[in-house]
Amino acid sequence: MDQTKLLSDSTSAQEEAIAPGCVIERRFFIRAASIATAALAFASPGRGFARVSEMTNVTPSLDPPLDFESFIRECSELAKTAQAEVSLNEEAHIFRLSAVASRLRLTSVPNGKLGPFSGLNPPVEFGPLKIAAPLAIIQWRLAPGATLPAHNHNPADVISLCLEGACTVRHFDIVDRAPDYSSKESFLIRESRNDLLTPGRMSSLSTVRDNIHTFHAGKAGAMGIDINSILPGEKPFSFLDIAEKPRDPQNRIYDAVWKKL
């Protein structure tokens, strides 16, 4: 797959994966193997805090809404702190990012320059909105009925925030272990979540839970952003095929195989 340099925004020569087929080459470049892709659910900024409080017994914040640039500044500081933390509590980090994202004024998010991903039909499009390593904001658009195939993210904490339309996001965990990405050996995954994203709602993943996800758009399509907080470590990535029928319906366990697009 041809790689295209999309954007520059750092000073180190290290490459960092931020989304399906996408890496940051920290010399101010994003390199995409088509176009970059790409934990909590919130209905709106106000209801977002209600959801956070419901799940954690935390008093709702009265902080004001954020425009896009203010949102970037706050997320960037959180991402830098997380990358430097030796024993990072990823759930706490995602909670903090989610609290910031729930304050984002959706109408302030700019429209990025998007491109089609891997010839999918109906089309799926991606493009970078802001790269401030170790933070990467990637915008995505799914045409009506479009599916972004299942893929993983390592090592990163990722929040997918819907801006327009609606889509479902299914998350999976690997059961026991998975073979090397070059292997055609089948392995087991468990469906851990099935979220409906509408404007203002979010879905998240970390390096240790829900790390595989797949998107399917509704009749009106969907658009949103991925908030990628890149963590230290190797940057493995792959798509995968998931069996249509579960091997174990009661426990939602499926057979899967790594694949390339």
Protein backbone atom coordinates (compact mmCIF):
# COMPACT_ATOMS: atom_id res chain seq x y z
CA MET A 1 0.00 0.00 0.00
CA ASP A 2 1.50 3.38 -0.96
CA GLN A 3 2.37 5.66 1.93
CA THR A 4 1.62 9.38 1.77
CA LYS A 5 3.19 12.06 3.94
CA LEU A 6 0.32 14.09 5.35
CA LEU A 7 1.52 16.43 8.06
CA SER A 8 4.57 17.38 10.17
CA ASP A 9 4.65 18.01 13.89
CA SER A 10 7.61 16.82 16.00
CA THR A 11 11.41 16.55 16.12
CA SER A 12 12.41 12.93 16.82
CA ALA A 13 12.94 10.31 14.10
CA GLN A 14 10.84 7.73 15.96
CA GLU A 15 7.67 6.47 14.24
CA GLU A 16 4.50 6.08 16.29
CA ALA A 17 1.29 4.34 15.20
CA ILE A 18 -1.81 6.38 15.95
CA ALA A 19 -4.55 4.68 13.94
CA PRO A 20 -5.21 1.94 11.35
CA GLY A 21 -2.37 2.17 8.86
CA CYS A 22 -1.12 5.43 10.33
CA VAL A 23 2.08 6.32 12.14
CA ILE A 24 3.60 9.54 13.40
CA GLU A 25 7.15 9.91 12.16
CA ARG A 26 8.18 12.36 14.85
CA ARG A 27 10.04 14.62 12.45
CA PHE A 28 6.83 16.51 11.79
CA PHE A 29 5.35 13.82 9.51
CA ILE A 30 2.35 11.55 9.53
CA ARG A 31 2.78 8.64 7.20
CA ALA A 32 -0.42 6.84 6.22
CA ALA A 33 -0.79 3.46 4.58
CA SER A 34 -3.92 4.87 2.93
CA ILE A 35 -5.28 7.63 5.17
CA ALA A 36 -5.13 7.66 8.94
CA THR A 37 -7.99 6.29 11.07
CA ALA A 38 -8.53 6.08 13.16
CA ALA A 39 -14.53 5.64 27.46
CA LEU A 40 -17.37 6.70 28.04
CA ALA A 41 -20.73 7.44 26.39
CA PHE A 42 -22.06 10.98 26.54
CA ALA A 43 -25.20 12.44 24.95
CA SER A 44 -24.10 16.08 25.23
CA PRO A 45 -21.58 18.10 27.30
CA GLY A 46 -24.02 18.41 30.17
CA ARG A 47 -25.22 14.82 30.03
CA GLY A 48 -21.62 13.75 29.54
CA PHE A 49 -20.76 14.88 33.04
CA ALA A 50 -23.88 13.21 34.34
CA ARG A 51 -22.66 9.95 32.83
CA VAL A 52 -19.18 10.35 34.33
CA SER A 53 -20.71 11.00 37.74
CA GLU A 54 -23.06 8.06 37.47
CA MET A 55 -20.18 5.68 36.83
CA THR A 56 -17.67 7.06 39.31
CA ASN A 57 -19.63 8.96 41.99
CA VAL A 58 -17.68 12.10 41.09
CA THR A 59 -19.42 15.47 41.48
CA PRO A 60 -20.16 16.95 38.02
CA SER A 61 -17.78 19.68 36.88
CA LEU A 62 -19.05 23.19 36.28
CA ASP A 63 -16.17 24.03 33.94
CA PRO A 64 -17.27 25.97 30.84
CA PRO A 65 -17.37 24.54 27.30
CA LEU A 66 -14.15 24.49 25.30
CA ASP A 67 -13.50 25.60 21.76
CA PHE A 68 -11.33 23.32 19.62
CA GLU A 69 -8.01 25.05 20.31
CA SER A 70 -8.60 25.10 24.08
CA PHE A 71 -9.60 21.44 23.90
CA ILE A 72 -6.34 20.63 22.08
CA ARG A 73 -4.25 22.44 24.71
CA GLU A 74 -5.85 20.58 27.62
CA CYS A 75 -5.68 17.17 25.92
CA SER A 76 -2.08 17.77 24.86
CA GLU A 77 -1.00 18.45 28.44
CA LEU A 78 -2.77 15.31 29.65
CA ALA A 79 -1.16 13.22 26.88
CA LYS A 80 2.33 14.52 27.73
CA THR A 81 1.84 13.78 31.41
CA ALA A 82 0.57 10.28 30.66
CA GLN A 83 3.48 9.43 28.35
CA ALA A 84 5.99 10.45 31.00
CA GLU A 85 4.29 8.50 33.81
CA VAL A 86 6.07 5.22 34.54
CA SER A 87 3.11 3.45 36.18
CA LEU A 88 0.24 5.05 34.31
CA ASN A 89 -3.31 4.36 35.48
CA GLU A 90 -4.85 4.24 32.00
CA GLU A 91 -8.44 4.30 33.23
CA ALA A 92 -7.80 7.46 35.23
CA HIS A 93 -6.08 8.98 32.20
CA ILE A 94 -9.01 8.12 29.91
CA PHE A 95 -11.40 9.54 32.52
CA ARG A 96 -9.52 12.86 32.49
CA LEU A 97 -9.42 12.98 28.67
CA SER A 98 -13.13 12.13 28.54
CA ALA A 99 -13.96 14.93 30.97
CA VAL A 100 -12.16 17.39 28.70
CA ALA A 101 -13.77 15.96 25.56
CA SER A 102 -17.24 16.21 27.13
CA ARG A 103 -16.71 19.98 27.35
CA LEU A 104 -15.77 20.31 23.68
CA ARG A 105 -18.13 22.53 21.72
CA LEU A 106 -18.81 20.26 18.75
CA THR A 107 -19.53 23.14 16.37
CA SER A 108 -15.98 24.44 16.95
CA VAL A 109 -14.36 21.34 15.46
CA PRO A 110 -12.99 22.24 12.00
CA ASN A 111 -13.50 20.15 8.89
CA GLY A 112 -10.26 18.43 8.01
CA LYS A 113 -8.98 17.31 4.64
CA LEU A 114 -10.11 13.69 4.47
CA GLY A 115 -9.19 10.93 2.05
CA PRO A 116 -10.62 7.47 1.32
CA PHE A 117 -9.25 4.53 3.26
CA SER A 118 -8.16 1.40 1.42
CA GLY A 119 -10.86 1.42 -1.24
CA LEU A 120 -13.68 0.49 1.13
CA ASN A 121 -17.18 0.70 -0.36
CA PRO A 122 -19.29 2.36 1.03
CA PRO A 123 -16.35 4.68 1.63
CA VAL A 124 -14.60 5.45 4.91
CA GLU A 125 -12.45 8.60 5.04
CA PHE A 126 -9.75 9.81 7.43
CA GLY A 127 -7.46 12.77 7.90
CA PRO A 128 -5.39 14.43 10.66
CA LEU A 129 -6.89 17.47 12.39
CA LYS A 130 -4.07 18.11 14.85
CA ILE A 131 -0.79 16.36 15.62
CA ALA A 132 0.94 17.55 18.78
CA ALA A 133 2.86 14.43 19.79
CA PRO A 134 2.07 12.47 21.88
CA LEU A 135 -1.47 13.67 21.03
CA ALA A 136 -3.04 12.99 17.64
CA ILE A 137 -6.56 14.08 16.67
CA ILE A 138 -7.81 12.15 13.63
CA GLN A 139 -11.09 12.96 11.92
CA TRP A 140 -13.17 10.23 10.30
CA ARG A 141 -16.25 10.07 8.12
CA LEU A 142 -18.30 6.95 7.34
CA ALA A 143 -20.71 6.98 4.42
CA PRO A 144 -24.23 5.63 5.06
CA GLY A 145 -23.93 1.91 5.81
CA ALA A 146 -20.11 1.98 5.74
CA THR A 147 -18.02 -0.35 7.90
CA LEU A 148 -14.49 0.23 9.16
CA PRO A 149 -13.08 -3.29 9.62
CA ALA A 150 -11.93 -4.47 13.04
CA HIS A 151 -8.42 -3.36 14.05
CA ASN A 152 -6.33 -2.84 17.16
CA HIS A 153 -4.43 0.13 18.67
CA ASN A 154 -1.09 -0.26 20.49
CA PRO A 155 0.16 1.33 22.61
CA ALA A 156 -2.38 4.12 22.90
CA ASP A 157 -5.42 5.22 24.80
CA VAL A 158 -8.08 6.24 22.28
CA ILE A 159 -11.42 8.02 22.61
CA SER A 160 -13.79 8.07 19.62
CA LEU A 161 -16.15 11.06 19.77
CA CYS A 162 -19.10 11.32 17.37
CA LEU A 163 -19.78 14.75 15.84
CA GLU A 164 -22.53 13.99 13.32
CA GLY A 165 -24.83 11.10 12.37
CA ALA A 166 -24.73 7.75 14.14
CA CYS A 167 -22.65 4.58 14.16
CA THR A 168 -22.20 1.48 16.26
CA VAL A 169 -18.78 0.59 17.67
CA ARG A 170 -18.09 -2.99 18.75
CA HIS A 171 -15.11 -3.62 21.04
CA PHE A 172 -13.23 -6.89 21.62
CA ASP A 173 -10.56 -8.27 23.95
CA ILE A 174 -8.13 -11.02 23.02
CA VAL A 175 -8.72 -14.23 24.99
CA ASP A 176 -5.43 -15.64 26.35
CA ARG A 177 -3.01 -14.73 23.55
CA ALA A 178 -2.87 -13.98 19.85
CA PRO A 179 -0.29 -15.17 17.31
CA ASP A 180 2.15 -12.92 15.47
CA TYR A 181 0.55 -10.58 12.94
CA SER A 182 2.07 -12.55 10.06
CA SER A 183 0.34 -15.74 11.22
CA LYS A 184 -2.83 -17.12 9.67
CA GLU A 185 -3.55 -19.04 12.84
CA SER A 186 -7.01 -18.50 14.33
CA PHE A 187 -7.32 -17.08 17.85
CA LEU A 188 -10.17 -16.16 20.19
CA ILE A 189 -11.59 -12.74 21.00
CA ARG A 190 -14.45 -11.73 23.30
CA GLU A 191 -16.92 -8.96 22.47
CA SER A 192 -16.60 -6.61 25.43
CA ARG A 193 -18.79 -3.68 24.39
CA ASN A 194 -21.27 -2.61 21.71
CA ASP A 195 -21.79 1.17 21.78
CA LEU A 196 -24.08 3.48 19.82
CA LEU A 197 -22.35 6.76 19.02
CA THR A 198 -24.43 9.84 18.28
CA PRO A 199 -23.27 13.49 18.48
CA GLY A 200 -21.47 14.04 21.80
CA ARG A 201 -21.25 10.35 22.72
CA MET A 202 -17.88 8.64 23.13
CA SER A 203 -16.35 5.20 23.17
CA SER A 204 -12.86 4.45 24.48
CA LEU A 205 -10.16 1.80 24.52
CA SER A 206 -6.86 1.28 26.32
CA THR A 207 -3.87 -1.00 25.89
CA VAL A 208 -5.43 -3.54 28.27
CA ARG A 209 -9.17 -3.47 27.49
CA ASP A 210 -11.45 -3.07 24.46
CA ASN A 211 -8.34 -2.63 22.30
CA ILE A 212 -9.94 -4.04 19.13
CA HIS A 213 -12.87 -2.13 17.63
CA THR A 214 -14.94 -1.89 14.45
CA PHE A 215 -17.35 0.83 13.26
CA HIS A 216 -20.60 0.54 11.29
CA ALA A 217 -22.48 3.66 10.20
CA GLY A 218 -26.24 4.12 10.21
CA LYS A 219 -28.46 5.30 7.35
CA ALA A 220 -27.26 8.90 7.63
CA GLY A 221 -23.56 8.03 7.93
CA ALA A 222 -21.37 9.39 10.71
CA MET A 223 -18.48 11.75 11.34
CA GLY A 224 -16.28 12.09 14.39
CA ILE A 225 -12.78 12.32 15.78
CA ASP A 226 -10.37 9.93 17.45
CA ILE A 227 -8.42 11.38 20.38
CA ASN A 228 -5.20 9.37 20.40
CA SER A 229 -2.96 9.62 23.47
CA ILE A 230 0.20 7.82 22.35
CA LEU A 231 2.05 5.86 25.03
CA PRO A 232 5.66 4.58 25.05
CA GLY A 233 6.44 1.22 23.49
CA GLU A 234 6.25 -0.73 20.26
CA LYS A 235 3.54 0.24 17.79
CA PRO A 236 2.08 -3.04 16.47
CA PHE A 237 -1.08 -2.83 14.39
CA SER A 238 -3.28 -5.03 12.26
CA PHE A 239 -6.77 -5.51 10.91
CA LEU A 240 -8.50 -8.80 11.54
CA ASP A 241 -11.34 -10.96 10.26
CA ILE A 242 -13.96 -11.90 12.83
CA ALA A 243 -16.29 -14.85 12.34
CA GLU A 244 -19.90 -13.82 11.83
CA LYS A 245 -21.23 -16.36 14.32
CA PRO A 246 -19.75 -16.67 17.83
CA ARG A 247 -18.03 -19.87 18.89
CA ASP A 248 -19.51 -19.36 22.36
CA PRO A 249 -22.69 -17.22 22.14
CA GLN A 250 -23.22 -17.02 25.89
CA ASN A 251 -19.78 -15.53 26.48
CA ARG A 252 -19.68 -13.68 23.13
CA ILE A 253 -16.45 -15.38 22.06
CA TYR A 254 -15.51 -15.35 18.37
CA ASP A 255 -12.80 -16.83 16.16
CA ALA A 256 -10.52 -14.24 14.54
CA VAL A 257 -7.55 -14.09 12.16
CA TRP A 258 -5.14 -11.21 11.53
CA LYS A 259 -5.29 -9.77 8.02
CA LYS A 260 -3.99 -6.94 5.88
CA LEU A 261 -6.13 -4.55 3.86
